[in-house]
PDB file of N, CA and C in Angstrom:
ATOM      1  N   PHE A   1     101.641  69.369  24.032  1.00  0.00           N
ATOM      2  CA  PHE A   1     100.197  69.748  23.227  1.00  0.00           C
ATOM      3  C   PHE A   1      99.420  68.817  23.586  1.00  0.00           C
ATOM      4  N   GLN A   2      97.701  69.274  23.478  1.00  0.00           N
ATOM      5  CA  GLN A   2      96.959  68.414  23.609  1.00  0.00           C
ATOM      6  C   GLN A   2      95.638  68.923  22.869  1.00  0.00           C
ATOM      7  N   PHE A   3      95.022  68.004  22.119  1.00  0.00           N
ATOM      8  CA  PHE A   3      93.854  68.255  21.532  1.00  0.00           C
ATOM      9  C   PHE A   3      92.629  67.570  22.191  1.00  0.00           C
ATOM     10  N   ILE A   4      91.459  68.406  22.624  1.00  0.00           N
ATOM     11  CA  ILE A   4      90.491  67.778  23.218  1.00  0.00           C
ATOM     12  C   ILE A   4      89.055  67.507  22.527  1.00  0.00           C
ATOM     13  N   PHE A   5      88.628  66.636  22.503  1.00  0.00           N
ATOM     14  CA  PHE A   5      87.370  66.264  21.419  1.00  0.00           C
ATOM     15  C   PHE A   5      86.092  66.040  22.655  1.00  0.00           C
ATOM     16  N   PRO A   6      85.156  66.864  22.464  1.00  0.00           N
ATOM     17  CA  PRO A   6      84.084  66.379  23.359  1.00  0.00           C
ATOM     18  C   PRO A   6      83.498  64.972  23.175  1.00  0.00           C
ATOM     19  N   ASP A   7      83.009  64.097  24.055  1.00  0.00           N
ATOM     20  CA  ASP A   7      82.668  62.777  23.754  1.00  0.00           C
ATOM     21  C   ASP A   7      81.164  62.952  23.346  1.00  0.00           C
ATOM     22  N   LEU A   8      81.104  62.413  22.118  1.00  0.00           N
ATOM     23  CA  LEU A   8      79.605  62.110  21.594  1.00  0.00           C
ATOM     24  C   LEU A   8      79.078  60.896  21.629  1.00  0.00           C
ATOM     25  N   PHE A   9      80.022  59.749  21.908  1.00  0.00           N
ATOM     26  CA  PHE A   9      79.557  58.462  21.649  1.00  0.00           C
ATOM     27  C   PHE A   9      79.369  57.774  23.066  1.00  0.00           C
ATOM     28  N   LEU A  10      80.275  57.810  24.138  1.00  0.00           N
ATOM     29  CA  LEU A  10      79.706  57.238  25.171  1.00  0.00           C
ATOM     30  C   LEU A  10      78.500  57.884  26.174  1.00  0.00           C
ATOM     31  N   SER A  11      78.721  59.213  25.837  1.00  0.00           N
ATOM     32  CA  SER A  11      77.494  59.925  26.391  1.00  0.00           C
ATOM     33  C   SER A  11      75.911  59.853  25.827  1.00  0.00           C
ATOM     34  N   ARG A  12      75.872  59.591  24.541  1.00  0.00           N
ATOM     35  CA  ARG A  12      74.570  58.996  24.335  1.00  0.00           C
ATOM     36  C   ARG A  12      74.221  57.731  24.489  1.00  0.00           C
ATOM     37  N   LEU A  13      75.145  56.856  24.856  1.00  0.00           N
ATOM     38  CA  LEU A  13      74.757  55.607  25.412  1.00  0.00           C
ATOM     39  C   LEU A  13      74.481  55.397  26.886  1.00  0.00           C
ATOM     40  N   VAL A  14      75.195  56.116  27.306  1.00  0.00           N
ATOM     41  CA  VAL A  14      74.735  56.305  28.965  1.00  0.00           C
ATOM     42  C   VAL A  14      74.555  57.731  29.611  1.00  0.00           C
ATOM     43  N   PRO A  15      73.277  58.031  29.579  1.00  0.00           N
ATOM     44  CA  PRO A  15      73.361  59.598  29.998  1.00  0.00           C
ATOM     45  C   PRO A  15      74.148  59.886  30.996  1.00  0.00           C
ATOM     46  N   LEU A  16      74.112  58.972  32.081  1.00  0.00           N
ATOM     47  CA  LEU A  16      75.005  59.424  33.236  1.00  0.00           C
ATOM     48  C   LEU A  16      76.546  59.753  33.078  1.00  0.00           C
ATOM     49  N   VAL A  17      76.868  59.270  31.933  1.00  0.00           N
ATOM     50  CA  VAL A  17      78.029  59.501  31.473  1.00  0.00           C
ATOM     51  C   VAL A  17      78.310  60.904  31.164  1.00  0.00           C
ATOM     52  N   ALA A  18      77.280  61.347  30.331  1.00  0.00           N
ATOM     53  CA  ALA A  18      76.685  62.719  29.827  1.00  0.00           C
ATOM     54  C   ALA A  18      77.024  63.907  30.945  1.00  0.00           C
ATOM     55  N   ALA A  19      76.570  63.649  32.234  1.00  0.00           N
ATOM     56  CA  ALA A  19      76.414  64.467  33.227  1.00  0.00           C
ATOM     57  C   ALA A  19      78.201  64.685  33.639  1.00  0.00           C
ATOM     58  N   LEU A  20      79.023  63.820  33.575  1.00  0.00           N
ATOM     59  CA  LEU A  20      80.171  64.034  33.732  1.00  0.00           C
ATOM     60  C   LEU A  20      81.245  64.700  32.801  1.00  0.00           C
ATOM     61  N   LEU A  21      80.656  65.172  31.729  1.00  0.00           N
ATOM     62  CA  LEU A  21      81.145  65.781  30.986  1.00  0.00           C
ATOM     63  C   LEU A  21      82.324  65.216  30.154  1.00  0.00           C
ATOM     64  N   PRO A  22      82.732  64.248  29.753  1.00  0.00           N
ATOM     65  CA  PRO A  22      83.860  63.403  29.257  1.00  0.00           C
ATOM     66  C   PRO A  22      84.259  63.989  28.168  1.00  0.00           C
ATOM     67  N   SER A  23      85.437  63.833  27.881  1.00  0.00           N
ATOM     68  CA  SER A  23      86.252  64.160  26.608  1.00  0.00           C
ATOM     69  C   SER A  23      87.350  63.361  26.233  1.00  0.00           C
ATOM     70  N   PHE A  24      87.830  63.391  25.108  1.00  0.00           N
ATOM     71  CA  PHE A  24      88.763  62.471  24.702  1.00  0.00           C
ATOM     72  C   PHE A  24      90.040  63.269  24.335  1.00  0.00           C
ATOM     73  N   VAL A  25      90.982  62.980  24.732  1.00  0.00           N
ATOM     74  CA  VAL A  25      92.300  63.978  24.644  1.00  0.00           C
ATOM     75  C   VAL A  25      93.402  63.296  23.949  1.00  0.00           C
ATOM     76  N   GLY A  26      94.156  63.623  23.054  1.00  0.00           N
ATOM     77  CA  GLY A  26      95.592  63.103  22.303  1.00  0.00           C
ATOM     78  C   GLY A  26      96.262  64.201  22.816  1.00  0.00           C
ATOM     79  N   PHE A  27      97.482  63.675  23.180  1.00  0.00           N
ATOM     80  CA  PHE A  27      98.533  64.772  23.619  1.00  0.00           C
ATOM     81  C   PHE A  27      99.889  64.216  23.086  1.00  0.00           C
ATOM     82  N   TYR A  28     100.965  65.036  23.002  1.00  0.00           N
ATOM     83  CA  TYR A  28     102.272  65.033  22.628  1.00  0.00           C
ATOM     84  C   TYR A  28     102.956  65.708  23.774  1.00  0.00           C
ATOM     85  N   ASP A  29     103.874  65.267  24.494  1.00  0.00           N
ATOM     86  CA  ASP A  29     104.627  65.627  25.476  1.00  0.00           C
ATOM     87  C   ASP A  29     106.276  65.691  25.305  1.00  0.00           C
ATOM     88  N   ILE A  30     107.038  66.544  25.524  1.00  0.00           N
ATOM     89  CA  ILE A  30     108.596  66.419  25.348  1.00  0.00           C
ATOM     90  C   ILE A  30     109.285  67.350  26.658  1.00  0.00           C
ATOM     91  N   GLY A  31     110.046  67.014  26.908  1.00  0.00           N
ATOM     92  CA  GLY A  31     110.818  67.331  28.011  1.00  0.00           C
ATOM     93  C   GLY A  31     112.125  66.507  28.561  1.00  0.00           C
ATOM     94  N   SER A  32     112.648  66.884  29.464  1.00  0.00           N
ATOM     95  CA  SER A  32     113.898  66.396  30.271  1.00  0.00           C
ATOM     96  C   SER A  32     113.988  66.880  31.593  1.00  0.00           C
ATOM     97  N   VAL A  33     114.820  65.989  32.393  1.00  0.00           N
ATOM     98  CA  VAL A  33     115.412  66.438  33.584  1.00  0.00           C
ATOM     99  C   VAL A  33     116.813  66.188  33.617  1.00  0.00           C
ATOM    100  N   TRP A  34     117.614  67.160  34.132  1.00  0.00           N
ATOM    101  CA  TRP A  34     118.883  67.155  33.937  1.00  0.00           C
ATOM    102  C   TRP A  34     119.344  67.963  35.322  1.00  0.00           C
ATOM    103  N   TYR A  35     120.566  67.548  35.742  1.00  0.00           N
ATOM    104  CA  TYR A  35     120.931  68.403  36.993  1.00  0.00           C
ATOM    105  C   TYR A  35     122.528  68.798  36.547  1.00  0.00           C
ATOM    106  N   ASP A  36     122.693  70.072  37.028  1.00  0.00           N
ATOM    107  CA  ASP A  36     124.197  70.638  36.786  1.00  0.00           C
ATOM    108  C   ASP A  36     125.048  70.306  37.795  1.00  0.00           C
ATOM    109  N   LYS A  37     124.336  69.979  38.978  1.00  0.00           N
ATOM    110  CA  LYS A  37     124.898  69.805  40.218  1.00  0.00           C
ATOM    111  C   LYS A  37     124.375  68.434  40.940  1.00  0.00           C
ATOM    112  N   THR A  38     125.000  67.653  41.658  1.00  0.00           N
ATOM    113  CA  THR A  38     124.359  66.653  42.523  1.00  0.00           C
ATOM    114  C   THR A  38     123.392  67.115  43.294  1.00  0.00           C
ATOM    115  N   PRO A  39     122.008  66.581  43.611  1.00  0.00           N
ATOM    116  CA  PRO A  39     121.372  67.161  44.341  1.00  0.00           C
ATOM    117  C   PRO A  39     121.442  66.342  45.799  1.00  0.00           C
ATOM    118  N   SER A  40     121.306  66.937  47.033  1.00  0.00           N
ATOM    119  CA  SER A  40     121.646  66.585  48.104  1.00  0.00           C
ATOM    120  C   SER A  40     120.748  65.368  48.490  1.00  0.00           C
ATOM    121  N   ASN A  41     119.528  65.063  47.899  1.00  0.00           N
ATOM    122  CA  ASN A  41     118.549  64.164  48.448  1.00  0.00           C
ATOM    123  C   ASN A  41     118.938  62.712  47.341  1.00  0.00           C
ATOM    124  N   TYR A  42     119.952  63.122  46.323  1.00  0.00           N
ATOM    125  CA  TYR A  42     119.988  61.808  45.159  1.00  0.00           C
ATOM    126  C   TYR A  42     121.650  62.071  44.846  1.00  0.00           C
ATOM    127  N   PRO A  43     122.446  61.601  45.719  1.00  0.00           N
ATOM    128  CA  PRO A  43     123.998  61.588  45.485  1.00  0.00           C
ATOM    129  C   PRO A  43     124.351  60.736  44.344  1.00  0.00           C
ATOM    130  N   SER A  44     123.631  59.916  43.834  1.00  0.00           N
ATOM    131  CA  SER A  44     124.137  59.061  42.784  1.00  0.00           C
ATOM    132  C   SER A  44     123.630  59.508  41.422  1.00  0.00           C
ATOM    133  N   VAL A  45     122.901  60.526  41.192  1.00  0.00           N
ATOM    134  CA  VAL A  45     122.214  60.976  39.886  1.00  0.00           C
ATOM    135  C   VAL A  45     123.594  61.371  39.111  1.00  0.00           C
ATOM    136  N   GLN A  46     123.188  61.125  37.759  1.00  0.00           N
ATOM    137  CA  GLN A  46     124.375  61.506  36.584  1.00  0.00           C
ATOM    138  C   GLN A  46     124.159  63.100  36.362  1.00  0.00           C
ATOM    139  N   THR A  47     124.967  63.783  36.251  1.00  0.00           N
ATOM    140  CA  THR A  47     125.047  65.245  35.922  1.00  0.00           C
ATOM    141  C   THR A  47     125.466  65.089  34.688  1.00  0.00           C
ATOM    142  N   SER A  48     125.231  66.441  33.843  1.00  0.00           N
ATOM    143  CA  SER A  48     125.885  66.615  32.311  1.00  0.00           C
ATOM    144  C   SER A  48     125.496  68.064  32.209  1.00  0.00           C
ATOM    145  N   SER A  49     125.707  68.949  30.925  1.00  0.00           N
ATOM    146  CA  SER A  49     125.610  70.040  30.544  1.00  0.00           C
ATOM    147  C   SER A  49     124.463  69.894  29.614  1.00  0.00           C
ATOM    148  N   LEU A  50     123.614  70.890  29.938  1.00  0.00           N
ATOM    149  CA  LEU A  50     122.327  70.890  28.908  1.00  0.00           C
ATOM    150  C   LEU A  50     122.206  70.549  27.615  1.00  0.00           C
ATOM    151  N   SER A  51     123.385  70.663  27.073  1.00  0.00           N
ATOM    152  CA  SER A  51     123.667  70.374  25.653  1.00  0.00           C
ATOM    153  C   SER A  51     123.556  69.106  25.385  1.00  0.00           C
ATOM    154  N   LYS A  52     124.058  68.252  26.523  1.00  0.00           N
ATOM    155  CA  LYS A  52     124.104  66.768  25.998  1.00  0.00           C
ATOM    156  C   LYS A  52     122.652  66.078  26.648  1.00  0.00           C
ATOM    157  N   THR A  53     121.883  66.831  27.170  1.00  0.00           N
ATOM    158  CA  THR A  53     120.733  66.051  27.754  1.00  0.00           C
ATOM    159  C   THR A  53     119.617  65.323  26.486  1.00  0.00           C
ATOM    160  N   THR A  54     118.992  64.385  26.896  1.00  0.00           N
ATOM    161  CA  THR A  54     118.285  63.571  26.371  1.00  0.00           C
ATOM    162  C   THR A  54     116.778  63.981  26.470  1.00  0.00           C
ATOM    163  N   TRP A  55     116.229  64.410  25.389  1.00  0.00           N
ATOM    164  CA  TRP A  55     114.636  64.761  25.598  1.00  0.00           C
ATOM    165  C   TRP A  55     113.870  63.642  25.467  1.00  0.00           C
ATOM    166  N   LEU A  56     113.042  63.611  26.326  1.00  0.00           N
ATOM    167  CA  LEU A  56     112.071  62.575  26.451  1.00  0.00           C
ATOM    168  C   LEU A  56     110.933  62.840  25.522  1.00  0.00           C
ATOM    169  N   GLN A  57     110.282  62.283  24.606  1.00  0.00           N
ATOM    170  CA  GLN A  57     109.033  62.478  23.995  1.00  0.00           C
ATOM    171  C   GLN A  57     108.115  61.428  23.907  1.00  0.00           C
ATOM    172  N   SER A  58     106.683  61.691  24.350  1.00  0.00           N
ATOM    173  CA  SER A  58     105.704  60.849  24.336  1.00  0.00           C
ATOM    174  C   SER A  58     104.556  61.469  23.885  1.00  0.00           C
ATOM    175  N   SER A  59     103.746  60.275  23.288  1.00  0.00           N
ATOM    176  CA  SER A  59     102.165  60.588  23.017  1.00  0.00           C
ATOM    177  C   SER A  59     101.067  59.663  23.388  1.00  0.00           C
ATOM    178  N   GLY A  60     100.089  59.955  23.642  1.00  0.00           N
ATOM    179  CA  GLY A  60      98.887  59.132  23.850  1.00  0.00           C
ATOM    180  C   GLY A  60      97.607  59.701  23.879  1.00  0.00           C
ATOM    181  N   VAL A  61      96.611  58.804  24.486  1.00  0.00           N
ATOM    182  CA  VAL A  61      95.561  59.286  24.458  1.00  0.00           C
ATOM    183  C   VAL A  61      94.999  59.214  26.033  1.00  0.00           C
ATOM    184  N   GLU A  62      93.830  59.850  26.316  1.00  0.00           N
ATOM    185  CA  GLU A  62      93.205  59.627  27.597  1.00  0.00           C
ATOM    186  C   GLU A  62      91.615  60.121  27.558  1.00  0.00           C
ATOM    187  N   LEU A  63      91.224  59.499  28.328  1.00  0.00           N
ATOM    188  CA  LEU A  63      89.726  59.634  28.746  1.00  0.00           C
ATOM    189  C   LEU A  63      89.593  60.567  29.714  1.00  0.00           C
ATOM    190  N   ARG A  64      89.084  62.027  29.612  1.00  0.00           N
ATOM    191  CA  ARG A  64      88.904  62.829  30.641  1.00  0.00           C
ATOM    192  C   ARG A  64      87.789  63.551  31.236  1.00  0.00           C
ATOM    193  N   SER A  65      87.168  63.827  32.191  1.00  0.00           N
ATOM    194  CA  SER A  65      85.808  64.204  32.455  1.00  0.00           C
ATOM    195  C   SER A  65      86.124  65.316  33.664  1.00  0.00           C
ATOM    196  N   GLY A  66      85.336  65.877  33.834  1.00  0.00           N
ATOM    197  CA  GLY A  66      85.370  67.244  34.858  1.00  0.00           C
ATOM    198  C   GLY A  66      85.086  68.676  33.930  1.00  0.00           C
ATOM    199  N   ILE A  67      85.634  69.595  34.732  1.00  0.00           N
ATOM    200  CA  ILE A  67      85.740  70.929  34.288  1.00  0.00           C
ATOM    201  C   ILE A  67      87.093  71.620  34.215  1.00  0.00           C
ATOM    202  N   GLU A  68      87.499  71.766  32.671  1.00  0.00           N
ATOM    203  CA  GLU A  68      88.808  72.202  32.682  1.00  0.00           C
ATOM    204  C   GLU A  68      89.190  73.374  33.420  1.00  0.00           C
ATOM    205  N   GLY A  69      90.100  73.641  34.101  1.00  0.00           N
ATOM    206  CA  GLY A  69      90.691  74.649  34.808  1.00  0.00           C
ATOM    207  C   GLY A  69      90.067  74.828  35.954  1.00  0.00           C
ATOM    208  N   VAL A  70      89.423  73.717  36.548  1.00  0.00           N
ATOM    209  CA  VAL A  70      88.848  73.423  37.783  1.00  0.00           C
ATOM    210  C   VAL A  70      89.080  72.219  38.589  1.00  0.00           C
ATOM    211  N   PHE A  71      88.821  71.125  38.056  1.00  0.00           N
ATOM    212  CA  PHE A  71      88.854  69.910  38.253  1.00  0.00           C
ATOM    213  C   PHE A  71      88.599  68.788  37.339  1.00  0.00           C
ATOM    214  N   THR A  72      89.794  68.043  37.151  1.00  0.00           N
ATOM    215  CA  THR A  72      89.608  66.870  35.927  1.00  0.00           C
ATOM    216  C   THR A  72      89.914  65.281  36.507  1.00  0.00           C
ATOM    217  N   VAL A  73      89.444  64.458  36.042  1.00  0.00           N
ATOM    218  CA  VAL A  73      89.774  62.997  36.452  1.00  0.00           C
ATOM    219  C   VAL A  73      89.969  62.675  35.040  1.00  0.00           C
ATOM    220  N   GLY A  74      91.146  61.758  34.805  1.00  0.00           N
ATOM    221  CA  GLY A  74      91.425  61.076  33.576  1.00  0.00           C
ATOM    222  C   GLY A  74      92.129  60.072  33.717  1.00  0.00           C
ATOM    223  N   ALA A  75      92.110  58.922  32.845  1.00  0.00           N
ATOM    224  CA  ALA A  75      92.684  57.634  32.698  1.00  0.00           C
ATOM    225  C   ALA A  75      93.245  57.650  30.992  1.00  0.00           C
ATOM    226  N   GLY A  76      94.313  56.940  30.898  1.00  0.00           N
ATOM    227  CA  GLY A  76      94.963  56.974  29.511  1.00  0.00           C
ATOM    228  C   GLY A  76      96.156  56.204  29.446  1.00  0.00           C
ATOM    229  N   VAL A  77      96.668  55.895  28.248  1.00  0.00           N
ATOM    230  CA  VAL A  77      97.819  55.373  27.806  1.00  0.00           C
ATOM    231  C   VAL A  77      98.835  56.363  27.075  1.00  0.00           C
ATOM    232  N   GLY A  78     100.157  56.178  27.373  1.00  0.00           N
ATOM    233  CA  GLY A  78     100.800  56.918  26.479  1.00  0.00           C
ATOM    234  C   GLY A  78     101.979  56.378  25.990  1.00  0.00           C
ATOM    235  N   TRP A  79     102.841  56.423  25.274  1.00  0.00           N
ATOM    236  CA  TRP A  79     104.123  55.660  24.638  1.00  0.00           C
ATOM    237  C   TRP A  79     105.457  56.970  24.542  1.00  0.00           C
ATOM    238  N   GLU A  80     106.661  56.363  25.215  1.00  0.00           N
ATOM    239  CA  GLU A  80     107.613  56.968  24.856  1.00  0.00           C
ATOM    240  C   GLU A  80     107.859  56.835  23.211  1.00  0.00           C
ATOM    241  N   LEU A  81     108.302  57.909  22.599  1.00  0.00           N
ATOM    242  CA  LEU A  81     108.528  57.990  21.174  1.00  0.00           C
ATOM    243  C   LEU A  81     109.809  57.242  20.851  1.00  0.00           C
ATOM    244  N   ARG A  82     109.935  56.166  21.067  1.00  0.00           N
ATOM    245  CA  ARG A  82     111.358  55.433  20.735  1.00  0.00           C
ATOM    246  C   ARG A  82     111.006  53.872  20.230  1.00  0.00           C
ATOM    247  N   THR A  83     111.879  52.953  19.779  1.00  0.00           N
ATOM    248  CA  THR A  83     111.462  52.038  19.150  1.00  0.00           C
ATOM    249  C   THR A  83     111.362  51.026  20.422  1.00  0.00           C
ATOM    250  N   GLY A  84     109.922  50.044  20.278  1.00  0.00           N
ATOM    251  CA  GLY A  84     109.977  49.212  21.560  1.00  0.00           C
ATOM    252  C   GLY A  84     109.584  49.474  22.905  1.00  0.00           C
ATOM    253  N   ALA A  85     108.764  50.811  22.882  1.00  0.00           N
ATOM    254  CA  ALA A  85     108.862  51.032  24.362  1.00  0.00           C
ATOM    255  C   ALA A  85     107.175  50.816  24.757  1.00  0.00           C
ATOM    256  N   PRO A  86     107.189  50.174  25.970  1.00  0.00           N
ATOM    257  CA  PRO A  86     106.217  49.511  26.586  1.00  0.00           C
ATOM    258  C   PRO A  86     105.002  50.756  26.664  1.00  0.00           C
ATOM    259  N   ALA A  87     103.911  50.410  26.949  1.00  0.00           N
ATOM    260  CA  ALA A  87     102.631  51.250  26.878  1.00  0.00           C
ATOM    261  C   ALA A  87     102.622  51.832  28.585  1.00  0.00           C
ATOM    262  N   ASP A  88     102.232  53.045  28.863  1.00  0.00           N
ATOM    263  CA  ASP A  88     102.477  53.488  30.137  1.00  0.00           C
ATOM    264  C   ASP A  88     100.890  53.852  30.362  1.00  0.00           C
ATOM    265  N   TRP A  89     100.334  52.934  31.485  1.00  0.00           N
ATOM    266  CA  TRP A  89      98.802  53.593  31.632  1.00  0.00           C
ATOM    267  C   TRP A  89      98.878  54.258  32.914  1.00  0.00           C
ATOM    268  N   TYR A  90      97.946  55.306  33.044  1.00  0.00           N
ATOM    269  CA  TYR A  90      97.849  55.948  34.168  1.00  0.00           C
ATOM    270  C   TYR A  90      96.445  56.601  34.437  1.00  0.00           C
ATOM    271  N   PHE A  91      96.422  56.919  35.585  1.00  0.00           N
ATOM    272  CA  PHE A  91      95.236  57.468  36.076  1.00  0.00           C
ATOM    273  C   PHE A  91      95.705  58.893  36.928  1.00  0.00           C
ATOM    274  N   ARG A  92      94.743  59.976  36.547  1.00  0.00           N
ATOM    275  CA  ARG A  92      95.369  61.375  37.008  1.00  0.00           C
ATOM    276  C   ARG A  92      94.184  62.267  37.165  1.00  0.00           C
ATOM    277  N   ILE A  93      94.409  62.791  38.619  1.00  0.00           N
ATOM    278  CA  ILE A  93      93.384  63.601  39.269  1.00  0.00           C
ATOM    279  C   ILE A  93      93.989  64.899  38.945  1.00  0.00           C
ATOM    280  N   THR A  94      93.467  66.042  38.580  1.00  0.00           N
ATOM    281  CA  THR A  94      93.982  67.452  38.621  1.00  0.00           C
ATOM    282  C   THR A  94      93.343  68.347  39.117  1.00  0.00           C
ATOM    283  N   THR A  95      93.755  69.393  40.463  1.00  0.00           N
ATOM    284  CA  THR A  95      92.802  70.461  40.719  1.00  0.00           C
ATOM    285  C   THR A  95      93.628  71.553  40.383  1.00  0.00           C
ATOM    286  N   TYR A  96      93.003  72.628  40.284  1.00  0.00           N
ATOM    287  CA  TYR A  96      93.352  74.072  40.318  1.00  0.00           C
ATOM    288  C   TYR A  96      93.166  75.202  41.165  1.00  0.00           C
ATOM    289  N   PHE A  97      93.774  74.805  42.306  1.00  0.00           N
ATOM    290  CA  PHE A  97      93.454  75.686  43.537  1.00  0.00           C
ATOM    291  C   PHE A  97      94.561  76.485  43.996  1.00  0.00           C
TER     292      PHE A  97
END
């Protein structure tokens, strides 16, 4: 899930920033990776049934610029939703070709 808010603060201060169409994004992710068979490229991976899979949950914020659905550049920070999780800083380029 993500909530996208147009930037109305930085764009007013720096007109060049407004040309980049920035937005602030708040997000929540949930997902998991599991293997029911050992993959050939990673033979030491732990396998289990789907019912015993631990689901990773994270949330965070991102400053994103570009045209959604075409090309975007973003930078942000996210946290796993567990006690004592360190921040994960990232930079992302997304294209839709």
